[in-house]
């Protein structure tokens, strides 16, 4: 048997619940922080907030991670741009240091020219021909600039000219310089302390050797060796006196009872040689 609904009873229940809810809300509103729902709200809030904090703690790094992924291409490009800027700045600093060193070398060479040989020719080293048989460099000045074979070649500053070598061959716009370390190069040398003389000869990649020194000559370590001026039959030697050849590095055991020799470290640094001064040939013994 079917049961008929009771609409009147249902409507009465709904109306009663609504009335009770309105009454509670009204009382809560009038009661403010002391209302019947306020305590329940505070209890609910104390439970929900820690849960929200936990959710945020877990989800925020994930969100940041995906946000970082979204910007990763632009970050990589920015890093590349910064790396390029750093390299450009480093290259600029190195270039400035190189230019400053070149300026100092040229300025010193100009001063050396005015103090030593006003008619000397300044030149740029453009290449080298170092081998087991020949130690040479090429410069960018030749006969058009007044250079002739056997002219002395030096470097340095007004504080001191250092011997580099001599002109071996000449073309119109270039010259070949035989370095003093070449095995066939020789020059008369003078010890600065005792004024003893000898013959300095090239030994390739080894220190120079100064032979024909009188036995028993007191020789100090690091003693300077200079070119010695001389004349033979009223003809001057190739090299003017007073050019620094190098410093004594060690004494070589005597090979005879009357002579001994010493090793000499060259004063010029041939590995960084850039600018040189070619001196005019000596024409008298003064």
C-alpha atoms as a PDB file:
ATOM      1  CA  UNK A   1       0.000   0.000   0.000  1.00  0.00           C
ATOM      2  CA  UNK A   2       1.393   3.376  -1.034  1.00  0.00           C
ATOM      3  CA  UNK A   3       2.293   5.960   1.602  1.00  0.00           C
ATOM      4  CA  UNK A   4       1.185   9.489   0.900  1.00  0.00           C
ATOM      5  CA  UNK A   5       3.643  12.282   1.641  1.00  0.00           C
ATOM      6  CA  UNK A   6       2.925  14.732   4.358  1.00  0.00           C
ATOM      7  CA  UNK A   7       3.653  18.111   2.772  1.00  0.00           C
ATOM      8  CA  UNK A   8       2.248  20.105   5.647  1.00  0.00           C
ATOM      9  CA  UNK A   9       4.554  18.424   8.206  1.00  0.00           C
ATOM     10  CA  UNK A  10       7.604  18.870   5.958  1.00  0.00           C
ATOM     11  CA  UNK A  11       6.922  22.537   5.392  1.00  0.00           C
ATOM     12  CA  UNK A  12       6.552  23.006   9.115  1.00  0.00           C
ATOM     13  CA  UNK A  13       9.980  21.379   9.722  1.00  0.00           C
ATOM     14  CA  UNK A  14      11.696  23.571   7.146  1.00  0.00           C
ATOM     15  CA  UNK A  15      10.132  26.741   8.500  1.00  0.00           C
ATOM     16  CA  UNK A  16      11.167  25.788  12.026  1.00  0.00           C
ATOM     17  CA  UNK A  17      14.842  25.153  11.008  1.00  0.00           C
ATOM     18  CA  UNK A  18      15.030  28.445   9.137  1.00  0.00           C
ATOM     19  CA  UNK A  19      13.624  30.297  12.080  1.00  0.00           C
ATOM     20  CA  UNK A  20      16.085  28.712  14.468  1.00  0.00           C
ATOM     21  CA  UNK A  21      19.032  29.526  12.094  1.00  0.00           C
ATOM     22  CA  UNK A  22      17.972  33.160  11.817  1.00  0.00           C
ATOM     23  CA  UNK A  23      17.676  33.378  15.558  1.00  0.00           C
ATOM     24  CA  UNK A  24      21.171  31.940  16.100  1.00  0.00           C
ATOM     25  CA  UNK A  25      22.689  34.227  13.456  1.00  0.00           C
ATOM     26  CA  UNK A  26      20.961  37.230  14.998  1.00  0.00           C
ATOM     27  CA  UNK A  27      22.214  36.323  18.463  1.00  0.00           C
ATOM     28  CA  UNK A  28      25.743  35.756  17.122  1.00  0.00           C
ATOM     29  CA  UNK A  29      25.739  39.086  15.336  1.00  0.00           C
ATOM     30  CA  UNK A  30      24.576  40.903  18.463  1.00  0.00           C
ATOM     31  CA  UNK A  31      27.064  39.020  20.599  1.00  0.00           C
ATOM     32  CA  UNK A  32      30.077  39.974  18.436  1.00  0.00           C
ATOM     33  CA  UNK A  33      33.253  38.149  19.555  1.00  0.00           C
ATOM     34  CA  UNK A  34      31.214  36.507  22.367  1.00  0.00           C
ATOM     35  CA  UNK A  35      28.508  35.136  20.102  1.00  0.00           C
ATOM     36  CA  UNK A  36      27.659  31.420  20.030  1.00  0.00           C
ATOM     37  CA  UNK A  37      29.285  30.924  16.601  1.00  0.00           C
ATOM     38  CA  UNK A  38      32.439  32.911  17.386  1.00  0.00           C
ATOM     39  CA  UNK A  39      33.912  30.158  19.530  1.00  0.00           C
ATOM     40  CA  UNK A  40      33.160  27.587  16.873  1.00  0.00           C
ATOM     41  CA  UNK A  41      34.770  29.833  14.249  1.00  0.00           C
ATOM     42  CA  UNK A  42      37.883  30.253  16.347  1.00  0.00           C
ATOM     43  CA  UNK A  43      38.118  26.511  16.856  1.00  0.00           C
ATOM     44  CA  UNK A  44      37.701  25.900  13.165  1.00  0.00           C
ATOM     45  CA  UNK A  45      40.293  28.584  12.349  1.00  0.00           C
ATOM     46  CA  UNK A  46      42.839  27.036  14.729  1.00  0.00           C
ATOM     47  CA  UNK A  47      42.406  23.736  12.928  1.00  0.00           C
ATOM     48  CA  UNK A  48      42.380  25.058   9.353  1.00  0.00           C
ATOM     49  CA  UNK A  49      45.391  27.437   9.541  1.00  0.00           C
ATOM     50  CA  UNK A  50      47.997  24.750  10.373  1.00  0.00           C
ATOM     51  CA  UNK A  51      46.579  22.657   7.556  1.00  0.00           C
ATOM     52  CA  UNK A  52      46.865  25.607   5.170  1.00  0.00           C
ATOM     53  CA  UNK A  53      50.459  26.247   6.312  1.00  0.00           C
ATOM     54  CA  UNK A  54      51.381  22.627   5.593  1.00  0.00           C
ATOM     55  CA  UNK A  55      49.782  22.771   2.156  1.00  0.00           C
ATOM     56  CA  UNK A  56      51.573  26.032   1.293  1.00  0.00           C
ATOM     57  CA  UNK A  57      54.906  24.639   2.528  1.00  0.00           C
ATOM     58  CA  UNK A  58      54.549  21.639   0.257  1.00  0.00           C
ATOM     59  CA  UNK A  59      53.086  23.325  -2.814  1.00  0.00           C
ATOM     60  CA  UNK A  60      55.076  26.606  -2.879  1.00  0.00           C
ATOM     61  CA  UNK A  61      58.483  25.015  -3.775  1.00  0.00           C
ATOM     62  CA  UNK A  62      56.700  23.049  -6.459  1.00  0.00           C
ATOM     63  CA  UNK A  63      55.168  26.236  -7.756  1.00  0.00           C
ATOM     64  CA  UNK A  64      58.517  28.007  -7.666  1.00  0.00           C
ATOM     65  CA  UNK A  65      60.102  25.082  -9.478  1.00  0.00           C
ATOM     66  CA  UNK A  66      57.594  25.211 -12.333  1.00  0.00           C
ATOM     67  CA  UNK A  67      57.891  29.000 -12.409  1.00  0.00           C
ATOM     68  CA  UNK A  68      61.679  28.588 -12.710  1.00  0.00           C
ATOM     69  CA  UNK A  69      61.172  26.116 -15.535  1.00  0.00           C
ATOM     70  CA  UNK A  70      59.027  28.640 -17.319  1.00  0.00           C
ATOM     71  CA  UNK A  71      61.838  31.252 -17.104  1.00  0.00           C
ATOM     72  CA  UNK A  72      64.762  28.847 -17.621  1.00  0.00           C
ATOM     73  CA  UNK A  73      65.475  29.772 -21.290  1.00  0.00           C
ATOM     74  CA  UNK A  74      65.677  33.492 -20.451  1.00  0.00           C
ATOM     75  CA  UNK A  75      67.917  32.757 -17.438  1.00  0.00           C
ATOM     76  CA  UNK A  76      70.285  30.731 -19.617  1.00  0.00           C
ATOM     77  CA  UNK A  77      70.448  33.564 -22.151  1.00  0.00           C
ATOM     78  CA  UNK A  78      71.116  36.057 -19.344  1.00  0.00           C
ATOM     79  CA  UNK A  79      73.954  33.857 -18.055  1.00  0.00           C
ATOM     80  CA  UNK A  80      75.420  33.680 -21.562  1.00  0.00           C
ATOM     81  CA  UNK A  81      75.194  37.451 -21.878  1.00  0.00           C
ATOM     82  CA  UNK A  82      76.945  37.915 -18.519  1.00  0.00           C
ATOM     83  CA  UNK A  83      79.677  35.441 -19.493  1.00  0.00           C
ATOM     84  CA  UNK A  84      80.237  37.343 -22.742  1.00  0.00           C
ATOM     85  CA  UNK A  85      80.420  40.636 -20.853  1.00  0.00           C
ATOM     86  CA  UNK A  86      82.989  39.191 -18.440  1.00  0.00           C
ATOM     87  CA  UNK A  87      85.114  37.894 -21.340  1.00  0.00           C
ATOM     88  CA  UNK A  88      84.885  41.256 -23.108  1.00  0.00           C
ATOM     89  CA  UNK A  89      85.982  43.085 -19.961  1.00  0.00           C
ATOM     90  CA  UNK A  90      88.873  40.674 -19.413  1.00  0.00           C
ATOM     91  CA  UNK A  91      89.992  41.125 -23.022  1.00  0.00           C
ATOM     92  CA  UNK A  92      89.751  44.895 -22.633  1.00  0.00           C
ATOM     93  CA  UNK A  93      91.854  44.820 -19.459  1.00  0.00           C
ATOM     94  CA  UNK A  94      94.481  42.632 -21.149  1.00  0.00           C
ATOM     95  CA  UNK A  95      94.447  44.864 -24.212  1.00  0.00           C
ATOM     96  CA  UNK A  96      94.932  47.966 -22.079  1.00  0.00           C
ATOM     97  CA  UNK A  97      97.839  46.332 -20.249  1.00  0.00           C
ATOM     98  CA  UNK A  98      99.390  45.308 -23.581  1.00  0.00           C
ATOM     99  CA  UNK A  99      98.988  48.830 -25.008  1.00  0.00           C
ATOM    100  CA  UNK A 100     100.458  50.358 -21.862  1.00  0.00           C
ATOM    101  CA  UNK A 101     103.462  48.021 -22.019  1.00  0.00           C
ATOM    102  CA  UNK A 102     103.996  48.847 -25.700  1.00  0.00           C
ATOM    103  CA  UNK A 103     103.818  52.546 -24.922  1.00  0.00           C
ATOM    104  CA  UNK A 104     106.367  52.196 -22.133  1.00  0.00           C
ATOM    105  CA  UNK A 105     108.709  50.182 -24.383  1.00  0.00           C
ATOM    106  CA  UNK A 106     108.446  52.699 -27.226  1.00  0.00           C
ATOM    107  CA  UNK A 107     108.851  55.659 -24.897  1.00  0.00           C
ATOM    108  CA  UNK A 108     111.959  54.107 -23.366  1.00  0.00           C
ATOM    109  CA  UNK A 109     113.362  53.355 -26.825  1.00  0.00           C
ATOM    110  CA  UNK A 110     112.803  56.940 -27.982  1.00  0.00           C
ATOM    111  CA  UNK A 111     114.625  58.217 -24.906  1.00  0.00           C
ATOM    112  CA  UNK A 112     117.407  55.716 -25.508  1.00  0.00           C
ATOM    113  CA  UNK A 113     117.727  56.894 -29.104  1.00  0.00           C
ATOM    114  CA  UNK A 114     118.084  60.524 -28.091  1.00  0.00           C
ATOM    115  CA  UNK A 115     120.659  59.714 -25.406  1.00  0.00           C
ATOM    116  CA  UNK A 116     122.687  57.098 -27.285  1.00  0.00           C
ATOM    117  CA  UNK A 117     122.408  57.588 -31.032  1.00  0.00           C
ATOM    118  CA  UNK A 118     120.106  60.314 -32.365  1.00  0.00           C
ATOM    119  CA  UNK A 119     120.532  58.919 -35.868  1.00  0.00           C
ATOM    120  CA  UNK A 120     119.589  55.373 -34.862  1.00  0.00           C
ATOM    121  CA  UNK A 121     116.611  53.675 -36.503  1.00  0.00           C
ATOM    122  CA  UNK A 122     113.783  52.319 -34.365  1.00  0.00           C
ATOM    123  CA  UNK A 123     112.222  49.131 -35.738  1.00  0.00           C
ATOM    124  CA  UNK A 124     109.546  46.578 -34.975  1.00  0.00           C
ATOM    125  CA  UNK A 125     110.375  42.880 -34.662  1.00  0.00           C
ATOM    126  CA  UNK A 126     108.136  41.107 -37.182  1.00  0.00           C
ATOM    127  CA  UNK A 127     109.361  37.518 -36.993  1.00  0.00           C
ATOM    128  CA  UNK A 128     112.039  35.150 -35.785  1.00  0.00           C
ATOM    129  CA  UNK A 129     114.126  32.440 -37.345  1.00  0.00           C
ATOM    130  CA  UNK A 130     115.205  30.557 -34.262  1.00  0.00           C
ATOM    131  CA  UNK A 131     116.430  27.066 -35.128  1.00  0.00           C
ATOM    132  CA  UNK A 132     119.156  24.637 -34.151  1.00  0.00           C
ATOM    133  CA  UNK A 133     121.552  26.375 -36.534  1.00  0.00           C
ATOM    134  CA  UNK A 134     120.488  30.024 -36.539  1.00  0.00           C
ATOM    135  CA  UNK A 135     119.156  32.484 -33.983  1.00  0.00           C
ATOM    136  CA  UNK A 136     117.751  35.527 -35.764  1.00  0.00           C
ATOM    137  CA  UNK A 137     114.831  37.947 -35.863  1.00  0.00           C
ATOM    138  CA  UNK A 138     113.432  40.016 -38.700  1.00  0.00           C
ATOM    139  CA  UNK A 139     112.696  43.746 -38.363  1.00  0.00           C
ATOM    140  CA  UNK A 140     110.535  46.008 -40.503  1.00  0.00           C
ATOM    141  CA  UNK A 141     113.263  48.497 -41.561  1.00  0.00           C
ATOM    142  CA  UNK A 142     115.907  48.078 -44.255  1.00  0.00           C
ATOM    143  CA  UNK A 143     118.161  49.974 -46.637  1.00  0.00           C
ATOM    144  CA  UNK A 144     115.423  52.536 -47.381  1.00  0.00           C
ATOM    145  CA  UNK A 145     115.790  53.618 -43.724  1.00  0.00           C
ATOM    146  CA  UNK A 146     119.611  53.782 -43.980  1.00  0.00           C
ATOM    147  CA  UNK A 147     120.349  50.377 -42.432  1.00  0.00           C
ATOM    148  CA  UNK A 148     123.452  48.512 -43.592  1.00  0.00           C
ATOM    149  CA  UNK A 149     125.004  45.152 -42.608  1.00  0.00           C
ATOM    150  CA  UNK A 150     126.949  44.888 -39.316  1.00  0.00           C
ATOM    151  CA  UNK A 151     125.119  47.747 -37.601  1.00  0.00           C
ATOM    152  CA  UNK A 152     124.657  47.034 -33.871  1.00  0.00           C
ATOM    153  CA  UNK A 153     121.117  46.331 -32.652  1.00  0.00           C
ATOM    154  CA  UNK A 154     120.067  47.183 -29.092  1.00  0.00           C
ATOM    155  CA  UNK A 155     117.039  47.527 -26.849  1.00  0.00           C
ATOM    156  CA  UNK A 156     116.478  49.052 -23.414  1.00  0.00           C
ATOM    157  CA  UNK A 157     115.856  52.424 -21.808  1.00  0.00           C
ATOM    158  CA  UNK A 158     118.000  55.501 -21.067  1.00  0.00           C
ATOM    159  CA  UNK A 159     119.024  53.694 -17.879  1.00  0.00           C
ATOM    160  CA  UNK A 160     120.939  51.224 -20.011  1.00  0.00           C
ATOM    161  CA  UNK A 161     121.166  49.904 -23.554  1.00  0.00           C
ATOM    162  CA  UNK A 162     121.225  46.124 -23.904  1.00  0.00           C
ATOM    163  CA  UNK A 163     122.928  44.438 -26.823  1.00  0.00           C
ATOM    164  CA  UNK A 164     120.617  42.382 -29.045  1.00  0.00           C
ATOM    165  CA  UNK A 165     122.879  41.525 -31.963  1.00  0.00           C
ATOM    166  CA  UNK A 166     123.912  42.873 -35.367  1.00  0.00           C
ATOM    167  CA  UNK A 167     122.399  43.367 -38.813  1.00  0.00           C
ATOM    168  CA  UNK A 168     123.218  40.290 -40.893  1.00  0.00           C
ATOM    169  CA  UNK A 169     121.273  40.870 -44.133  1.00  0.00           C
ATOM    170  CA  UNK A 170     119.346  43.815 -45.533  1.00  0.00           C
ATOM    171  CA  UNK A 171     116.580  44.345 -48.091  1.00  0.00           C
ATOM    172  CA  UNK A 172     114.880  47.581 -49.022  1.00  0.00           C
ATOM    173  CA  UNK A 173     112.190  47.336 -46.330  1.00  0.00           C
ATOM    174  CA  UNK A 174     113.405  44.663 -43.905  1.00  0.00           C
ATOM    175  CA  UNK A 175     116.528  43.355 -42.202  1.00  0.00           C
ATOM    176  CA  UNK A 176     117.694  40.120 -40.613  1.00  0.00           C
ATOM    177  CA  UNK A 177     119.243  40.503 -37.157  1.00  0.00           C
ATOM    178  CA  UNK A 178     121.727  37.927 -35.891  1.00  0.00           C
ATOM    179  CA  UNK A 179     121.119  37.611 -32.143  1.00  0.00           C
ATOM    180  CA  UNK A 180     124.044  37.585 -29.746  1.00  0.00           C
ATOM    181  CA  UNK A 181     122.986  34.095 -28.604  1.00  0.00           C
ATOM    182  CA  UNK A 182     123.662  32.702 -32.106  1.00  0.00           C
ATOM    183  CA  UNK A 183     126.490  30.175 -31.989  1.00  0.00           C
ATOM    184  CA  UNK A 184     128.517  32.081 -34.585  1.00  0.00           C
ATOM    185  CA  UNK A 185     128.158  35.437 -32.791  1.00  0.00           C
ATOM    186  CA  UNK A 186     131.062  36.910 -30.790  1.00  0.00           C
ATOM    187  CA  UNK A 187     131.802  40.249 -29.160  1.00  0.00           C
ATOM    188  CA  UNK A 188     134.556  41.628 -26.947  1.00  0.00           C
ATOM    189  CA  UNK A 189     133.320  41.835 -23.353  1.00  0.00           C
ATOM    190  CA  UNK A 190     134.434  43.667 -20.237  1.00  0.00           C
ATOM    191  CA  UNK A 191     133.735  42.647 -16.627  1.00  0.00           C
ATOM    192  CA  UNK A 192     132.368  45.621 -14.695  1.00  0.00           C
ATOM    193  CA  UNK A 193     134.149  44.821 -11.430  1.00  0.00           C
ATOM    194  CA  UNK A 194     137.720  43.920 -12.330  1.00  0.00           C
ATOM    195  CA  UNK A 195     137.677  45.495 -15.823  1.00  0.00           C
ATOM    196  CA  UNK A 196     139.056  42.213 -17.109  1.00  0.00           C
ATOM    197  CA  UNK A 197     138.211  41.515 -20.720  1.00  0.00           C
ATOM    198  CA  UNK A 198     137.384  38.411 -22.710  1.00  0.00           C
ATOM    199  CA  UNK A 199     135.501  37.136 -25.738  1.00  0.00           C
ATOM    200  CA  UNK A 200     131.762  36.540 -25.373  1.00  0.00           C
ATOM    201  CA  UNK A 201     130.281  33.921 -27.673  1.00  0.00           C
ATOM    202  CA  UNK A 202     126.724  32.729 -28.274  1.00  0.00           C
ATOM    203  CA  UNK A 203     125.643  29.250 -27.150  1.00  0.00           C
ATOM    204  CA  UNK A 204     122.108  29.010 -28.534  1.00  0.00           C
ATOM    205  CA  UNK A 205     119.551  28.286 -25.820  1.00  0.00           C
ATOM    206  CA  UNK A 206     122.295  28.100 -23.175  1.00  0.00           C
ATOM    207  CA  UNK A 207     123.961  31.020 -21.397  1.00  0.00           C
ATOM    208  CA  UNK A 208     126.647  32.924 -23.262  1.00  0.00           C
ATOM    209  CA  UNK A 209     130.255  31.959 -22.652  1.00  0.00           C
ATOM    210  CA  UNK A 210     132.940  34.538 -21.940  1.00  0.00           C
ATOM    211  CA  UNK A 211     136.340  32.992 -22.573  1.00  0.00           C
ATOM    212  CA  UNK A 212     139.953  34.198 -22.675  1.00  0.00           C
ATOM    213  CA  UNK A 213     139.641  35.645 -19.175  1.00  0.00           C
ATOM    214  CA  UNK A 214     142.946  35.776 -17.287  1.00  0.00           C
ATOM    215  CA  UNK A 215     143.175  32.928 -14.781  1.00  0.00           C
ATOM    216  CA  UNK A 216     142.742  33.990 -11.177  1.00  0.00           C
ATOM    217  CA  UNK A 217     140.573  36.987 -12.037  1.00  0.00           C
ATOM    218  CA  UNK A 218     138.192  37.516  -9.086  1.00  0.00           C
ATOM    219  CA  UNK A 219     134.690  37.292 -10.530  1.00  0.00           C
ATOM    220  CA  UNK A 220     131.575  38.051  -8.501  1.00  0.00           C
ATOM    221  CA  UNK A 221     128.223  36.409  -9.101  1.00  0.00           C
ATOM    222  CA  UNK A 222     125.804  38.549 -11.138  1.00  0.00           C
ATOM    223  CA  UNK A 223     128.681  40.815 -12.170  1.00  0.00           C
ATOM    224  CA  UNK A 224     127.718  42.793 -15.268  1.00  0.00           C
ATOM    225  CA  UNK A 225     129.418  42.303 -18.609  1.00  0.00           C
ATOM    226  CA  UNK A 226     129.553  45.178 -21.120  1.00  0.00           C
ATOM    227  CA  UNK A 227     130.829  45.574 -24.654  1.00  0.00           C
ATOM    228  CA  UNK A 228     134.442  46.684 -24.876  1.00  0.00           C
ATOM    229  CA  UNK A 229     135.369  49.334 -27.398  1.00  0.00           C
ATOM    230  CA  UNK A 230     138.580  48.794 -29.327  1.00  0.00           C
ATOM    231  CA  UNK A 231     140.383  49.802 -32.493  1.00  0.00           C
ATOM    232  CA  UNK A 232     142.615  47.798 -34.806  1.00  0.00           C
ATOM    233  CA  UNK A 233     144.756  49.690 -37.302  1.00  0.00           C
ATOM    234  CA  UNK A 234     142.650  52.781 -36.691  1.00  0.00           C
ATOM    235  CA  UNK A 235     139.505  50.807 -37.477  1.00  0.00           C
ATOM    236  CA  UNK A 236     136.895  50.718 -34.715  1.00  0.00           C
ATOM    237  CA  UNK A 237     135.134  47.551 -33.643  1.00  0.00           C
ATOM    238  CA  UNK A 238     131.527  46.951 -34.620  1.00  0.00           C
ATOM    239  CA  UNK A 239     130.064  47.665 -31.200  1.00  0.00           C
ATOM    240  CA  UNK A 240     130.345  50.849 -29.154  1.00  0.00           C
ATOM    241  CA  UNK A 241     131.595  50.427 -25.584  1.00  0.00           C
ATOM    242  CA  UNK A 242     129.221  50.271 -22.641  1.00  0.00           C
ATOM    243  CA  UNK A 243     126.371  48.190 -24.065  1.00  0.00           C
ATOM    244  CA  UNK A 244     125.119  45.716 -21.469  1.00  0.00           C
ATOM    245  CA  UNK A 245     125.599  42.119 -22.609  1.00  0.00           C
ATOM    246  CA  UNK A 246     124.444  40.334 -19.455  1.00  0.00           C
ATOM    247  CA  UNK A 247     125.369  39.155 -15.973  1.00  0.00           C
ATOM    248  CA  UNK A 248     127.754  36.443 -14.838  1.00  0.00           C
ATOM    249  CA  UNK A 249     125.753  33.325 -13.960  1.00  0.00           C
ATOM    250  CA  UNK A 250     128.600  30.961 -12.988  1.00  0.00           C
ATOM    251  CA  UNK A 251     132.316  30.344 -13.327  1.00  0.00           C
ATOM    252  CA  UNK A 252     133.346  27.594 -15.733  1.00  0.00           C
ATOM    253  CA  UNK A 253     136.217  25.313 -14.575  1.00  0.00           C
ATOM    254  CA  UNK A 254     139.481  26.457 -16.124  1.00  0.00           C
ATOM    255  CA  UNK A 255     140.476  24.646 -19.288  1.00  0.00           C
ATOM    256  CA  UNK A 256     144.059  25.810 -19.155  1.00  0.00           C
ATOM    257  CA  UNK A 257     146.638  27.137 -16.728  1.00  0.00           C
ATOM    258  CA  UNK A 258     146.472  30.705 -18.025  1.00  0.00           C
ATOM    259  CA  UNK A 259     142.827  31.279 -19.015  1.00  0.00           C
ATOM    260  CA  UNK A 260     139.375  30.563 -17.715  1.00  0.00           C
ATOM    261  CA  UNK A 261     135.817  31.321 -18.742  1.00  0.00           C
ATOM    262  CA  UNK A 262     132.482  32.283 -17.221  1.00  0.00           C
ATOM    263  CA  UNK A 263     128.861  31.809 -18.205  1.00  0.00           C
ATOM    264  CA  UNK A 264     126.906  34.988 -18.894  1.00  0.00           C
ATOM    265  CA  UNK A 265     123.129  35.291 -18.753  1.00  0.00           C
ATOM    266  CA  UNK A 266     121.912  37.654 -21.544  1.00  0.00           C
ATOM    267  CA  UNK A 267     120.363  40.904 -20.360  1.00  0.00           C
ATOM    268  CA  UNK A 268     117.867  41.159 -23.228  1.00  0.00           C
ATOM    269  CA  UNK A 269     114.763  38.989 -23.073  1.00  0.00           C
ATOM    270  CA  UNK A 270     114.490  37.616 -26.603  1.00  0.00           C
ATOM    271  CA  UNK A 271     111.174  35.879 -25.915  1.00  0.00           C
ATOM    272  CA  UNK A 272     109.390  39.244 -25.479  1.00  0.00           C
ATOM    273  CA  UNK A 273     111.469  41.342 -27.884  1.00  0.00           C
ATOM    274  CA  UNK A 274     109.201  43.735 -29.814  1.00  0.00           C
ATOM    275  CA  UNK A 275     111.095  46.947 -30.529  1.00  0.00           C
ATOM    276  CA  UNK A 276     114.772  47.491 -31.241  1.00  0.00           C
ATOM    277  CA  UNK A 277     117.100  50.338 -32.129  1.00  0.00           C
ATOM    278  CA  UNK A 278     119.621  49.966 -34.929  1.00  0.00           C
ATOM    279  CA  UNK A 279     122.715  52.076 -34.249  1.00  0.00           C
ATOM    280  CA  UNK A 280     124.755  53.724 -36.965  1.00  0.00           C
ATOM    281  CA  UNK A 281     128.121  52.109 -37.697  1.00  0.00           C
ATOM    282  CA  UNK A 282     131.179  53.505 -35.918  1.00  0.00           C
ATOM    283  CA  UNK A 283     133.499  55.434 -38.192  1.00  0.00           C
ATOM    284  CA  UNK A 284     136.284  56.398 -35.781  1.00  0.00           C
ATOM    285  CA  UNK A 285     137.990  55.235 -32.597  1.00  0.00           C
ATOM    286  CA  UNK A 286     136.928  58.143 -30.428  1.00  0.00           C
END
